[in-house]
């Protein structure tokens, strides 16, 4: 089965979301901005709990929480935490055997979209 076709909003939507996030974060002064972002990174550690991977779903919070804690002192760890979150989301999609072409398909999977065998190329 082929991945569903992508539309203009599949590309424009994430750009608009990122621009709004940057705009809102520019209104928060330092050091509260760094602290708030570190808390957001720590919060996404719990997203994958109870996702059906048994003991293995505890692996991501075990690795990501120390990175989020270090994000309280340095932005590089906040960036690393978001990259880890994005990579773990892609790994979960592959392990659950969901077809995807790009990151834009994640909302379709979350909403209960069709689960098929993984078909992707690098």
PDB file of N, CA and C in Angstrom:
ATOM      1  N   UNK A   1       0.838  -1.161   0.000  1.00  0.00           N
ATOM      2  CA  UNK A   1       0.000   0.000   0.000  1.00  0.00           C
ATOM      3  C   UNK A   1       0.891   1.234   0.000  1.00  0.00           C
ATOM      4  N   UNK A   2       0.497   2.242  -0.717  1.00  0.00           N
ATOM      5  CA  UNK A   2       1.265   3.476  -0.807  1.00  0.00           C
ATOM      6  C   UNK A   2       0.828   4.460   0.277  1.00  0.00           C
ATOM      7  N   UNK A   3       1.753   5.330   0.628  1.00  0.00           N
ATOM      8  CA  UNK A   3       1.444   6.369   1.611  1.00  0.00           C
ATOM      9  C   UNK A   3       0.430   7.340   1.011  1.00  0.00           C
ATOM     10  N   UNK A   4      -0.415   7.935   1.832  1.00  0.00           N
ATOM     11  CA  UNK A   4      -1.399   8.885   1.309  1.00  0.00           C
ATOM     12  C   UNK A   4      -0.695  10.102   0.718  1.00  0.00           C
ATOM     13  N   UNK A   5      -1.315  10.717  -0.290  1.00  0.00           N
ATOM     14  CA  UNK A   5      -0.684  11.890  -0.909  1.00  0.00           C
ATOM     15  C   UNK A   5      -0.600  13.060   0.070  1.00  0.00           C
ATOM     16  N   UNK A   6       0.441  13.834  -0.088  1.00  0.00           N
ATOM     17  CA  UNK A   6       0.630  15.001   0.772  1.00  0.00           C
ATOM     18  C   UNK A   6       0.037  16.228   0.105  1.00  0.00           C
ATOM     19  N   UNK A   7      -0.543  17.087   0.892  1.00  0.00           N
ATOM     20  CA  UNK A   7      -1.145  18.312   0.404  1.00  0.00           C
ATOM     21  C   UNK A   7      -0.312  19.504   0.857  1.00  0.00           C
ATOM     22  N   UNK A   8      -0.668  20.681   0.385  1.00  0.00           N
ATOM     23  CA  UNK A   8       0.095  21.888   0.705  1.00  0.00           C
ATOM     24  C   UNK A   8       0.161  22.099   2.215  1.00  0.00           C
ATOM     25  N   UNK A   9      -0.930  21.886   2.921  1.00  0.00           N
ATOM     26  CA  UNK A   9      -0.940  22.115   4.368  1.00  0.00           C
ATOM     27  C   UNK A   9      -0.065  21.116   5.124  1.00  0.00           C
ATOM     28  N   UNK A  10       0.237  19.973   4.521  1.00  0.00           N
ATOM     29  CA  UNK A  10       1.163  19.041   5.153  1.00  0.00           C
ATOM     30  C   UNK A  10       2.561  19.641   5.252  1.00  0.00           C
ATOM     31  N   UNK A  11       2.871  20.561   4.376  1.00  0.00           N
ATOM     32  CA  UNK A  11       4.165  21.247   4.396  1.00  0.00           C
ATOM     33  C   UNK A  11       4.078  22.588   5.115  1.00  0.00           C
ATOM     34  N   UNK A  12       2.999  23.315   4.883  1.00  0.00           N
ATOM     35  CA  UNK A  12       2.855  24.666   5.437  1.00  0.00           C
ATOM     36  C   UNK A  12       2.478  24.618   6.921  1.00  0.00           C
ATOM     37  N   UNK A  13       1.685  23.648   7.324  1.00  0.00           N
ATOM     38  CA  UNK A  13       1.240  23.545   8.706  1.00  0.00           C
ATOM     39  C   UNK A  13       2.374  23.497   9.722  1.00  0.00           C
ATOM     40  N   UNK A  14       3.366  22.611   9.534  1.00  0.00           N
ATOM     41  CA  UNK A  14       4.483  22.592  10.485  1.00  0.00           C
ATOM     42  C   UNK A  14       5.276  23.891  10.503  1.00  0.00           C
ATOM     43  N   UNK A  15       5.388  24.564   9.369  1.00  0.00           N
ATOM     44  CA  UNK A  15       6.103  25.842   9.327  1.00  0.00           C
ATOM     45  C   UNK A  15       5.341  26.899  10.124  1.00  0.00           C
ATOM     46  N   UNK A  16       4.017  26.920   9.976  1.00  0.00           N
ATOM     47  CA  UNK A  16       3.200  27.870  10.739  1.00  0.00           C
ATOM     48  C   UNK A  16       3.300  27.565  12.232  1.00  0.00           C
ATOM     49  N   UNK A  17       3.220  26.286  12.594  1.00  0.00           N
ATOM     50  CA  UNK A  17       3.339  25.902  13.995  1.00  0.00           C
ATOM     51  C   UNK A  17       4.680  26.303  14.592  1.00  0.00           C
ATOM     52  N   UNK A  18       5.762  26.083  13.840  1.00  0.00           N
ATOM     53  CA  UNK A  18       7.092  26.460  14.319  1.00  0.00           C
ATOM     54  C   UNK A  18       7.211  27.972  14.469  1.00  0.00           C
ATOM     55  N   UNK A  19       6.668  28.713  13.507  1.00  0.00           N
ATOM     56  CA  UNK A  19       6.735  30.178  13.577  1.00  0.00           C
ATOM     57  C   UNK A  19       5.961  30.704  14.787  1.00  0.00           C
ATOM     58  N   UNK A  20       4.790  30.131  15.057  1.00  0.00           N
ATOM     59  CA  UNK A  20       4.016  30.541  16.240  1.00  0.00           C
ATOM     60  C   UNK A  20       4.749  30.206  17.533  1.00  0.00           C
ATOM     61  N   UNK A  21       5.371  29.034  17.581  1.00  0.00           N
ATOM     62  CA  UNK A  21       6.125  28.647  18.775  1.00  0.00           C
ATOM     63  C   UNK A  21       7.297  29.606  18.998  1.00  0.00           C
ATOM     64  N   UNK A  22       8.018  29.943  17.934  1.00  0.00           N
ATOM     65  CA  UNK A  22       9.142  30.869  18.052  1.00  0.00           C
ATOM     66  C   UNK A  22       8.654  32.244  18.484  1.00  0.00           C
ATOM     67  N   UNK A  23       7.547  32.691  17.917  1.00  0.00           N
ATOM     68  CA  UNK A  23       6.987  33.992  18.290  1.00  0.00           C
ATOM     69  C   UNK A  23       6.597  34.020  19.769  1.00  0.00           C
ATOM     70  N   UNK A  24       5.898  32.998  20.231  1.00  0.00           N
ATOM     71  CA  UNK A  24       5.486  32.956  21.631  1.00  0.00           C
ATOM     72  C   UNK A  24       6.687  32.825  22.573  1.00  0.00           C
ATOM     73  N   UNK A  25       7.679  32.030  22.191  1.00  0.00           N
ATOM     74  CA  UNK A  25       8.859  31.881  23.044  1.00  0.00           C
ATOM     75  C   UNK A  25       9.690  33.160  23.091  1.00  0.00           C
ATOM     76  N   UNK A  26       9.606  33.993  22.051  1.00  0.00           N
ATOM     77  CA  UNK A  26      10.353  35.254  22.070  1.00  0.00           C
ATOM     78  C   UNK A  26       9.763  36.236  23.076  1.00  0.00           C
ATOM     79  N   UNK A  27       8.523  36.005  23.492  1.00  0.00           N
ATOM     80  CA  UNK A  27       7.888  36.866  24.489  1.00  0.00           C
ATOM     81  C   UNK A  27       8.288  36.501  25.920  1.00  0.00           C
ATOM     82  N   UNK A  28       8.839  35.305  26.106  1.00  0.00           N
ATOM     83  CA  UNK A  28       9.261  34.854  27.427  1.00  0.00           C
ATOM     84  C   UNK A  28      10.721  35.262  27.632  1.00  0.00           C
ATOM     85  N   UNK A  29      10.995  35.916  28.737  1.00  0.00           N
ATOM     86  CA  UNK A  29      12.355  36.396  29.011  1.00  0.00           C
ATOM     87  C   UNK A  29      13.227  35.281  29.584  1.00  0.00           C
ATOM     88  N   UNK A  30      14.540  35.469  29.395  1.00  0.00           N
ATOM     89  CA  UNK A  30      15.516  34.558  29.999  1.00  0.00           C
ATOM     90  C   UNK A  30      15.575  34.814  31.488  1.00  0.00           C
ATOM     91  N   UNK A  31      15.871  33.894  32.328  1.00  0.00           N
ATOM     92  CA  UNK A  31      16.129  32.468  32.122  1.00  0.00           C
ATOM     93  C   UNK A  31      14.860  31.621  32.134  1.00  0.00           C
ATOM     94  N   UNK A  32      13.703  32.257  32.265  1.00  0.00           N
ATOM     95  CA  UNK A  32      12.443  31.510  32.288  1.00  0.00           C
ATOM     96  C   UNK A  32      12.221  30.761  30.973  1.00  0.00           C
ATOM     97  N   UNK A  33      12.711  31.307  29.861  1.00  0.00           N
ATOM     98  CA  UNK A  33      12.532  30.651  28.554  1.00  0.00           C
ATOM     99  C   UNK A  33      13.238  29.300  28.536  1.00  0.00           C
ATOM    100  N   UNK A  34      14.486  29.282  29.003  1.00  0.00           N
ATOM    101  CA  UNK A  34      15.241  28.031  29.018  1.00  0.00           C
ATOM    102  C   UNK A  34      14.594  27.032  29.973  1.00  0.00           C
ATOM    103  N   UNK A  35      14.163  27.486  31.129  1.00  0.00           N
ATOM    104  CA  UNK A  35      13.518  26.600  32.099  1.00  0.00           C
ATOM    105  C   UNK A  35      12.218  26.031  31.536  1.00  0.00           C
ATOM    106  N   UNK A  36      11.412  26.874  30.908  1.00  0.00           N
ATOM    107  CA  UNK A  36      10.145  26.423  30.330  1.00  0.00           C
ATOM    108  C   UNK A  36      10.378  25.386  29.228  1.00  0.00           C
ATOM    109  N   UNK A  37      11.365  25.627  28.372  1.00  0.00           N
ATOM    110  CA  UNK A  37      11.671  24.669  27.308  1.00  0.00           C
ATOM    111  C   UNK A  37      12.188  23.350  27.876  1.00  0.00           C
ATOM    112  N   UNK A  38      12.973  23.409  28.939  1.00  0.00           N
ATOM    113  CA  UNK A  38      13.445  22.177  29.567  1.00  0.00           C
ATOM    114  C   UNK A  38      12.268  21.389  30.154  1.00  0.00           C
ATOM    115  N   UNK A  39      11.302  22.088  30.715  1.00  0.00           N
ATOM    116  CA  UNK A  39      10.113  21.414  31.258  1.00  0.00           C
ATOM    117  C   UNK A  39       9.297  20.783  30.129  1.00  0.00           C
ATOM    118  N   UNK A  40       9.198  21.456  28.995  1.00  0.00           N
ATOM    119  CA  UNK A  40       8.494  20.868  27.848  1.00  0.00           C
ATOM    120  C   UNK A  40       9.175  19.589  27.381  1.00  0.00           C
ATOM    121  N   UNK A  41      10.508  19.614  27.295  1.00  0.00           N
ATOM    122  CA  UNK A  41      11.246  18.426  26.871  1.00  0.00           C
ATOM    123  C   UNK A  41      11.037  17.289  27.874  1.00  0.00           C
ATOM    124  N   UNK A  42      11.043  17.617  29.161  1.00  0.00           N
ATOM    125  CA  UNK A  42      10.804  16.591  30.176  1.00  0.00           C
ATOM    126  C   UNK A  42       9.376  16.049  30.074  1.00  0.00           C
ATOM    127  N   UNK A  43       8.429  16.897  29.728  1.00  0.00           N
ATOM    128  CA  UNK A  43       7.038  16.466  29.614  1.00  0.00           C
ATOM    129  C   UNK A  43       6.792  15.483  28.500  1.00  0.00           C
ATOM    130  N   UNK A  44       7.518  15.629  27.401  1.00  0.00           N
ATOM    131  CA  UNK A  44       7.302  14.704  26.287  1.00  0.00           C
ATOM    132  C   UNK A  44       7.893  13.333  26.571  1.00  0.00           C
ATOM    133  N   UNK A  45       8.638  13.192  27.658  1.00  0.00           N
ATOM    134  CA  UNK A  45       9.164  11.871  28.024  1.00  0.00           C
ATOM    135  C   UNK A  45       8.039  10.893  28.354  1.00  0.00           C
ATOM    136  N   UNK A  46       6.939  11.398  28.845  1.00  0.00           N
ATOM    137  CA  UNK A  46       5.835  10.523  29.221  1.00  0.00           C
ATOM    138  C   UNK A  46       4.874  10.202  28.099  1.00  0.00           C
ATOM    139  N   UNK A  47       5.094  10.766  26.932  1.00  0.00           N
ATOM    140  CA  UNK A  47       4.170  10.561  25.817  1.00  0.00           C
ATOM    141  C   UNK A  47       4.112   9.105  25.391  1.00  0.00           C
ATOM    142  N   UNK A  48       5.226   8.402  25.489  1.00  0.00           N
ATOM    143  CA  UNK A  48       5.290   7.048  24.950  1.00  0.00           C
ATOM    144  C   UNK A  48       4.990   5.972  25.984  1.00  0.00           C
ATOM    145  N   UNK A  49       4.699   6.363  27.228  1.00  0.00           N
ATOM    146  CA  UNK A  49       4.342   5.365  28.223  1.00  0.00           C
ATOM    147  C   UNK A  49       2.966   4.791  27.896  1.00  0.00           C
ATOM    148  N   UNK A  50       2.799   3.522  28.130  1.00  0.00           N
ATOM    149  CA  UNK A  50       1.567   2.790  27.837  1.00  0.00           C
ATOM    150  C   UNK A  50       1.271   2.773  26.340  1.00  0.00           C
ATOM    151  N   UNK A  51       2.343   2.618  25.545  1.00  0.00           N
ATOM    152  CA  UNK A  51       2.166   2.574  24.095  1.00  0.00           C
ATOM    153  C   UNK A  51       2.200   1.148  23.559  1.00  0.00           C
ATOM    154  N   UNK A  52       2.282   0.167  24.434  1.00  0.00           N
ATOM    155  CA  UNK A  52       2.208  -1.214  23.994  1.00  0.00           C
ATOM    156  C   UNK A  52       3.542  -1.889  23.782  1.00  0.00           C
ATOM    157  N   UNK A  53       4.636  -1.297  24.260  1.00  0.00           N
ATOM    158  CA  UNK A  53       5.954  -1.898  24.078  1.00  0.00           C
ATOM    159  C   UNK A  53       6.467  -2.570  25.337  1.00  0.00           C
ATOM    160  N   UNK A  54       5.635  -2.675  26.356  1.00  0.00           N
ATOM    161  CA  UNK A  54       6.020  -3.355  27.586  1.00  0.00           C
ATOM    162  C   UNK A  54       7.126  -2.618  28.317  1.00  0.00           C
ATOM    163  N   UNK A  55       8.111  -3.376  28.793  1.00  0.00           N
ATOM    164  CA  UNK A  55       9.228  -2.801  29.547  1.00  0.00           C
ATOM    165  C   UNK A  55      10.059  -1.862  28.679  1.00  0.00           C
ATOM    166  N   UNK A  56      10.077  -2.088  27.381  1.00  0.00           N
ATOM    167  CA  UNK A  56      10.910  -1.279  26.484  1.00  0.00           C
ATOM    168  C   UNK A  56      10.477   0.174  26.430  1.00  0.00           C
ATOM    169  N   UNK A  57       9.221   0.468  26.740  1.00  0.00           N
ATOM    170  CA  UNK A  57       8.784   1.865  26.686  1.00  0.00           C
ATOM    171  C   UNK A  57       9.360   2.694  27.830  1.00  0.00           C
ATOM    172  N   UNK A  58       9.947   2.048  28.815  1.00  0.00           N
ATOM    173  CA  UNK A  58      10.623   2.762  29.895  1.00  0.00           C
ATOM    174  C   UNK A  58      12.025   3.217  29.491  1.00  0.00           C
ATOM    175  N   UNK A  59      12.513   2.726  28.378  1.00  0.00           N
ATOM    176  CA  UNK A  59      13.854   3.068  27.921  1.00  0.00           C
ATOM    177  C   UNK A  59      13.978   4.547  27.570  1.00  0.00           C
ATOM    178  N   UNK A  60      13.013   5.086  26.839  1.00  0.00           N
ATOM    179  CA  UNK A  60      13.113   6.489  26.413  1.00  0.00           C
ATOM    180  C   UNK A  60      13.120   7.464  27.594  1.00  0.00           C
ATOM    181  N   UNK A  61      12.188   7.374  28.551  1.00  0.00           N
ATOM    182  CA  UNK A  61      12.273   8.304  29.690  1.00  0.00           C
ATOM    183  C   UNK A  61      13.563   8.147  30.491  1.00  0.00           C
ATOM    184  N   UNK A  62      14.056   6.923  30.582  1.00  0.00           N
ATOM    185  CA  UNK A  62      15.295   6.691  31.317  1.00  0.00           C
ATOM    186  C   UNK A  62      16.470   7.440  30.681  1.00  0.00           C
ATOM    187  N   UNK A  63      16.484   7.514  29.365  1.00  0.00           N
ATOM    188  CA  UNK A  63      17.558   8.207  28.653  1.00  0.00           C
ATOM    189  C   UNK A  63      17.272   9.702  28.536  1.00  0.00           C
ATOM    190  N   UNK A  64      16.019  10.069  28.306  1.00  0.00           N
ATOM    191  CA  UNK A  64      15.687  11.462  27.990  1.00  0.00           C
ATOM    192  C   UNK A  64      15.570  12.371  29.210  1.00  0.00           C
ATOM    193  N   UNK A  65      15.175  11.845  30.348  1.00  0.00           N
ATOM    194  CA  UNK A  65      15.022  12.717  31.517  1.00  0.00           C
ATOM    195  C   UNK A  65      16.328  13.358  31.981  1.00  0.00           C
ATOM    196  N   UNK A  66      17.457  12.641  31.992  1.00  0.00           N
ATOM    197  CA  UNK A  66      18.707  13.332  32.328  1.00  0.00           C
ATOM    198  C   UNK A  66      19.080  14.420  31.316  1.00  0.00           C
ATOM    199  N   UNK A  67      18.749  14.195  30.049  1.00  0.00           N
ATOM    200  CA  UNK A  67      19.007  15.218  29.028  1.00  0.00           C
ATOM    201  C   UNK A  67      18.143  16.446  29.294  1.00  0.00           C
ATOM    202  N   UNK A  68      16.879  16.230  29.643  1.00  0.00           N
ATOM    203  CA  UNK A  68      15.993  17.358  29.958  1.00  0.00           C
ATOM    204  C   UNK A  68      16.477  18.097  31.202  1.00  0.00           C
ATOM    205  N   UNK A  69      16.976  17.358  32.181  1.00  0.00           N
ATOM    206  CA  UNK A  69      17.503  17.998  33.387  1.00  0.00           C
ATOM    207  C   UNK A  69      18.700  18.874  33.047  1.00  0.00           C
ATOM    208  N   UNK A  70      19.574  18.382  32.188  1.00  0.00           N
ATOM    209  CA  UNK A  70      20.728  19.185  31.769  1.00  0.00           C
ATOM    210  C   UNK A  70      20.286  20.386  30.941  1.00  0.00           C
ATOM    211  N   UNK A  71      19.101  20.310  30.348  1.00  0.00           N
ATOM    212  CA  UNK A  71      18.555  21.438  29.604  1.00  0.00           C
ATOM    213  C   UNK A  71      18.258  22.640  30.478  1.00  0.00           C
ATOM    214  N   UNK A  72      18.191  22.439  31.782  1.00  0.00           N
ATOM    215  CA  UNK A  72      18.001  23.574  32.687  1.00  0.00           C
ATOM    216  C   UNK A  72      19.215  24.496  32.688  1.00  0.00           C
ATOM    217  N   UNK A  73      20.377  23.985  32.284  1.00  0.00           N
ATOM    218  CA  UNK A  73      21.584  24.798  32.248  1.00  0.00           C
ATOM    219  C   UNK A  73      22.033  25.187  30.845  1.00  0.00           C
ATOM    220  N   UNK A  74      21.660  24.414  29.811  1.00  0.00           N
ATOM    221  CA  UNK A  74      22.188  24.680  28.471  1.00  0.00           C
ATOM    222  C   UNK A  74      21.151  24.348  27.396  1.00  0.00           C
ATOM    223  N   UNK A  75      21.060  25.246  26.430  1.00  0.00           N
ATOM    224  CA  UNK A  75      20.122  25.048  25.324  1.00  0.00           C
ATOM    225  C   UNK A  75      20.483  23.849  24.461  1.00  0.00           C
ATOM    226  N   UNK A  76      21.755  23.490  24.372  1.00  0.00           N
ATOM    227  CA  UNK A  76      22.130  22.366  23.503  1.00  0.00           C
ATOM    228  C   UNK A  76      21.449  21.078  23.949  1.00  0.00           C
ATOM    229  N   UNK A  77      21.211  20.920  25.248  1.00  0.00           N
ATOM    230  CA  UNK A  77      20.535  19.721  25.729  1.00  0.00           C
ATOM    231  C   UNK A  77      19.035  19.779  25.442  1.00  0.00           C
ATOM    232  N   UNK A  78      18.472  20.963  25.397  1.00  0.00           N
ATOM    233  CA  UNK A  78      17.066  21.095  25.002  1.00  0.00           C
ATOM    234  C   UNK A  78      16.914  20.677  23.539  1.00  0.00           C
ATOM    235  N   UNK A  79      17.816  21.139  22.685  1.00  0.00           N
ATOM    236  CA  UNK A  79      17.797  20.735  21.278  1.00  0.00           C
ATOM    237  C   UNK A  79      18.002  19.240  21.125  1.00  0.00           C
ATOM    238  N   UNK A  80      18.930  18.679  21.896  1.00  0.00           N
ATOM    239  CA  UNK A  80      19.165  17.239  21.850  1.00  0.00           C
ATOM    240  C   UNK A  80      17.917  16.481  22.304  1.00  0.00           C
ATOM    241  N   UNK A  81      17.242  16.993  23.317  1.00  0.00           N
ATOM    242  CA  UNK A  81      16.015  16.346  23.789  1.00  0.00           C
ATOM    243  C   UNK A  81      14.921  16.320  22.731  1.00  0.00           C
ATOM    244  N   UNK A  82      14.757  17.425  21.990  1.00  0.00           N
ATOM    245  CA  UNK A  82      13.746  17.448  20.918  1.00  0.00           C
ATOM    246  C   UNK A  82      14.132  16.510  19.783  1.00  0.00           C
ATOM    247  N   UNK A  83      15.424  16.425  19.459  1.00  0.00           N
ATOM    248  CA  UNK A  83      15.861  15.481  18.416  1.00  0.00           C
ATOM    249  C   UNK A  83      15.620  14.038  18.857  1.00  0.00           C
ATOM    250  N   UNK A  84      15.902  13.751  20.123  1.00  0.00           N
ATOM    251  CA  UNK A  84      15.641  12.405  20.637  1.00  0.00           C
ATOM    252  C   UNK A  84      14.149  12.077  20.567  1.00  0.00           C
ATOM    253  N   UNK A  85      13.305  13.051  20.898  1.00  0.00           N
ATOM    254  CA  UNK A  85      11.861  12.857  20.840  1.00  0.00           C
ATOM    255  C   UNK A  85      11.417  12.543  19.408  1.00  0.00           C
ATOM    256  N   UNK A  86      11.930  13.303  18.438  1.00  0.00           N
ATOM    257  CA  UNK A  86      11.554  13.076  17.039  1.00  0.00           C
ATOM    258  C   UNK A  86      12.032  11.708  16.555  1.00  0.00           C
ATOM    259  N   UNK A  87      13.239  11.317  16.916  1.00  0.00           N
ATOM    260  CA  UNK A  87      13.759  10.009  16.495  1.00  0.00           C
ATOM    261  C   UNK A  87      12.977   8.867  17.144  1.00  0.00           C
ATOM    262  N   UNK A  88      12.655   9.014  18.426  1.00  0.00           N
ATOM    263  CA  UNK A  88      11.899   7.957  19.112  1.00  0.00           C
ATOM    264  C   UNK A  88      10.499   7.817  18.514  1.00  0.00           C
ATOM    265  N   UNK A  89       9.894   8.940  18.127  1.00  0.00           N
ATOM    266  CA  UNK A  89       8.567   8.875  17.490  1.00  0.00           C
ATOM    267  C   UNK A  89       8.647   8.099  16.182  1.00  0.00           C
ATOM    268  N   UNK A  90       9.680   8.343  15.392  1.00  0.00           N
ATOM    269  CA  UNK A  90       9.836   7.598  14.140  1.00  0.00           C
ATOM    270  C   UNK A  90      10.083   6.121  14.399  1.00  0.00           C
ATOM    271  N   UNK A  91      10.879   5.806  15.412  1.00  0.00           N
ATOM    272  CA  UNK A  91      11.123   4.399  15.751  1.00  0.00           C
ATOM    273  C   UNK A  91       9.834   3.713  16.182  1.00  0.00           C
ATOM    274  N   UNK A  92       9.019   4.386  16.959  1.00  0.00           N
ATOM    275  CA  UNK A  92       7.742   3.802  17.393  1.00  0.00           C
ATOM    276  C   UNK A  92       6.831   3.537  16.214  1.00  0.00           C
ATOM    277  N   UNK A  93       6.827   4.438  15.245  1.00  0.00           N
ATOM    278  CA  UNK A  93       5.989   4.223  14.062  1.00  0.00           C
ATOM    279  C   UNK A  93       6.451   3.009  13.280  1.00  0.00           C
ATOM    280  N   UNK A  94       7.754   2.831  13.148  1.00  0.00           N
ATOM    281  CA  UNK A  94       8.273   1.682  12.403  1.00  0.00           C
ATOM    282  C   UNK A  94       7.983   0.397  13.167  1.00  0.00           C
ATOM    283  N   UNK A  95       8.199   0.405  14.473  1.00  0.00           N
ATOM    284  CA  UNK A  95       7.983  -0.804  15.250  1.00  0.00           C
ATOM    285  C   UNK A  95       6.513  -1.202  15.303  1.00  0.00           C
ATOM    286  N   UNK A  96       5.621  -0.236  15.231  1.00  0.00           N
ATOM    287  CA  UNK A  96       4.186  -0.554  15.222  1.00  0.00           C
ATOM    288  C   UNK A  96       3.706  -0.867  13.815  1.00  0.00           C
ATOM    289  N   UNK A  97       4.657  -0.902  12.862  1.00  0.00           N
ATOM    290  CA  UNK A  97       4.403  -1.304  11.477  1.00  0.00           C
ATOM    291  C   UNK A  97       3.407  -0.372  10.795  1.00  0.00           C
ATOM    292  N   UNK A  98       3.608   0.923  10.979  1.00  0.00           N
ATOM    293  CA  UNK A  98       2.767   1.915  10.331  1.00  0.00           C
ATOM    294  C   UNK A  98       3.470   2.408   9.070  1.00  0.00           C
ATOM    295  N   UNK A  99       2.716   2.566   8.022  1.00  0.00           N
ATOM    296  CA  UNK A  99       3.288   3.119   6.797  1.00  0.00           C
ATOM    297  C   UNK A  99       3.418   4.624   6.957  1.00  0.00           C
ATOM    298  N   UNK A 100       4.559   5.159   6.613  1.00  0.00           N
ATOM    299  CA  UNK A 100       4.735   6.600   6.665  1.00  0.00           C
ATOM    300  C   UNK A 100       5.743   7.031   5.621  1.00  0.00           C
ATOM    301  N   UNK A 101       5.561   8.227   5.134  1.00  0.00           N
ATOM    302  CA  UNK A 101       6.490   8.788   4.169  1.00  0.00           C
ATOM    303  C   UNK A 101       7.309   9.892   4.798  1.00  0.00           C
ATOM    304  N   UNK A 102       6.748  10.558   5.782  1.00  0.00           N
ATOM    305  CA  UNK A 102       7.450  11.656   6.440  1.00  0.00           C
ATOM    306  C   UNK A 102       6.794  11.928   7.781  1.00  0.00           C
ATOM    307  N   UNK A 103       7.267  12.956   8.465  1.00  0.00           N
ATOM    308  CA  UNK A 103       6.757  13.302   9.789  1.00  0.00           C
ATOM    309  C   UNK A 103       5.311  13.794   9.729  1.00  0.00           C
ATOM    310  N   UNK A 104       4.842  14.220   8.571  1.00  0.00           N
ATOM    311  CA  UNK A 104       3.472  14.732   8.463  1.00  0.00           C
ATOM    312  C   UNK A 104       2.434  13.635   8.671  1.00  0.00           C
ATOM    313  N   UNK A 105       2.841  12.372   8.580  1.00  0.00           N
ATOM    314  CA  UNK A 105       1.868  11.290   8.748  1.00  0.00           C
ATOM    315  C   UNK A 105       1.620  10.949  10.207  1.00  0.00           C
ATOM    316  N   UNK A 106       2.404  11.480  11.140  1.00  0.00           N
ATOM    317  CA  UNK A 106       2.234  11.150  12.556  1.00  0.00           C
ATOM    318  C   UNK A 106       0.838  11.511  13.062  1.00  0.00           C
ATOM    319  N   UNK A 107       0.293  12.698  12.742  1.00  0.00           N
ATOM    320  CA  UNK A 107      -1.076  12.978  13.219  1.00  0.00           C
ATOM    321  C   UNK A 107      -2.105  11.980  12.714  1.00  0.00           C
ATOM    322  N   UNK A 108      -1.936  11.471  11.504  1.00  0.00           N
ATOM    323  CA  UNK A 108      -2.887  10.480  10.994  1.00  0.00           C
ATOM    324  C   UNK A 108      -2.819   9.199  11.815  1.00  0.00           C
ATOM    325  N   UNK A 109      -1.623   8.818  12.244  1.00  0.00           N
ATOM    326  CA  UNK A 109      -1.470   7.613  13.043  1.00  0.00           C
ATOM    327  C   UNK A 109      -2.052   7.824  14.439  1.00  0.00           C
ATOM    328  N   UNK A 110      -1.805   8.993  15.015  1.00  0.00           N
ATOM    329  CA  UNK A 110      -2.316   9.292  16.349  1.00  0.00           C
ATOM    330  C   UNK A 110      -3.827   9.299  16.352  1.00  0.00           C
ATOM    331  N   UNK A 111      -4.439   9.784  15.259  1.00  0.00           N
ATOM    332  CA  UNK A 111      -5.894   9.844  15.175  1.00  0.00           C
ATOM    333  C   UNK A 111      -6.519   8.487  14.877  1.00  0.00           C
ATOM    334  N   UNK A 112      -5.694   7.449  14.788  1.00  0.00           N
ATOM    335  CA  UNK A 112      -6.232   6.119  14.542  1.00  0.00           C
ATOM    336  C   UNK A 112      -6.293   5.783  13.069  1.00  0.00           C
ATOM    337  N   UNK A 113      -5.366   6.346  12.311  1.00  0.00           N
ATOM    338  CA  UNK A 113      -5.313   6.090  10.878  1.00  0.00           C
ATOM    339  C   UNK A 113      -4.989   4.634  10.584  1.00  0.00           C
ATOM    340  N   UNK A 114      -4.967   4.272   9.318  1.00  0.00           N
ATOM    341  CA  UNK A 114      -4.748   2.879   8.948  1.00  0.00           C
ATOM    342  C   UNK A 114      -3.335   2.419   9.310  1.00  0.00           C
ATOM    343  N   UNK A 115      -3.250   1.239   9.913  1.00  0.00           N
ATOM    344  CA  UNK A 115      -1.974   0.634  10.238  1.00  0.00           C
ATOM    345  C   UNK A 115      -1.695  -0.456   9.213  1.00  0.00           C
ATOM    346  N   UNK A 116      -0.621  -0.303   8.483  1.00  0.00           N
ATOM    347  CA  UNK A 116      -0.251  -1.289   7.479  1.00  0.00           C
ATOM    348  C   UNK A 116       1.190  -1.678   7.707  1.00  0.00           C
ATOM    349  N   UNK A 117       1.726  -2.493   6.844  1.00  0.00           N
ATOM    350  CA  UNK A 117       3.124  -2.877   6.984  1.00  0.00           C
ATOM    351  C   UNK A 117       4.011  -1.687   6.627  1.00  0.00           C
ATOM    352  N   UNK A 118       5.164  -1.636   7.249  1.00  0.00           N
ATOM    353  CA  UNK A 118       6.080  -0.509   7.037  1.00  0.00           C
ATOM    354  C   UNK A 118       6.665  -0.586   5.627  1.00  0.00           C
ATOM    355  N   UNK A 119       6.482   0.457   4.879  1.00  0.00           N
ATOM    356  CA  UNK A 119       7.054   0.554   3.550  1.00  0.00           C
ATOM    357  C   UNK A 119       7.648   1.930   3.394  1.00  0.00           C
ATOM    358  N   UNK A 120       8.955   2.005   3.547  1.00  0.00           N
ATOM    359  CA  UNK A 120       9.622   3.292   3.357  1.00  0.00           C
ATOM    360  C   UNK A 120      11.015   3.043   2.816  1.00  0.00           C
ATOM    361  N   UNK A 121      11.544   4.052   2.162  1.00  0.00           N
ATOM    362  CA  UNK A 121      12.888   3.974   1.636  1.00  0.00           C
ATOM    363  C   UNK A 121      13.680   5.160   2.125  1.00  0.00           C
ATOM    364  N   UNK A 122      14.964   4.973   2.242  1.00  0.00           N
ATOM    365  CA  UNK A 122      15.822   6.072   2.670  1.00  0.00           C
ATOM    366  C   UNK A 122      16.386   6.796   1.473  1.00  0.00           C
TER     367      UNK A 122
END
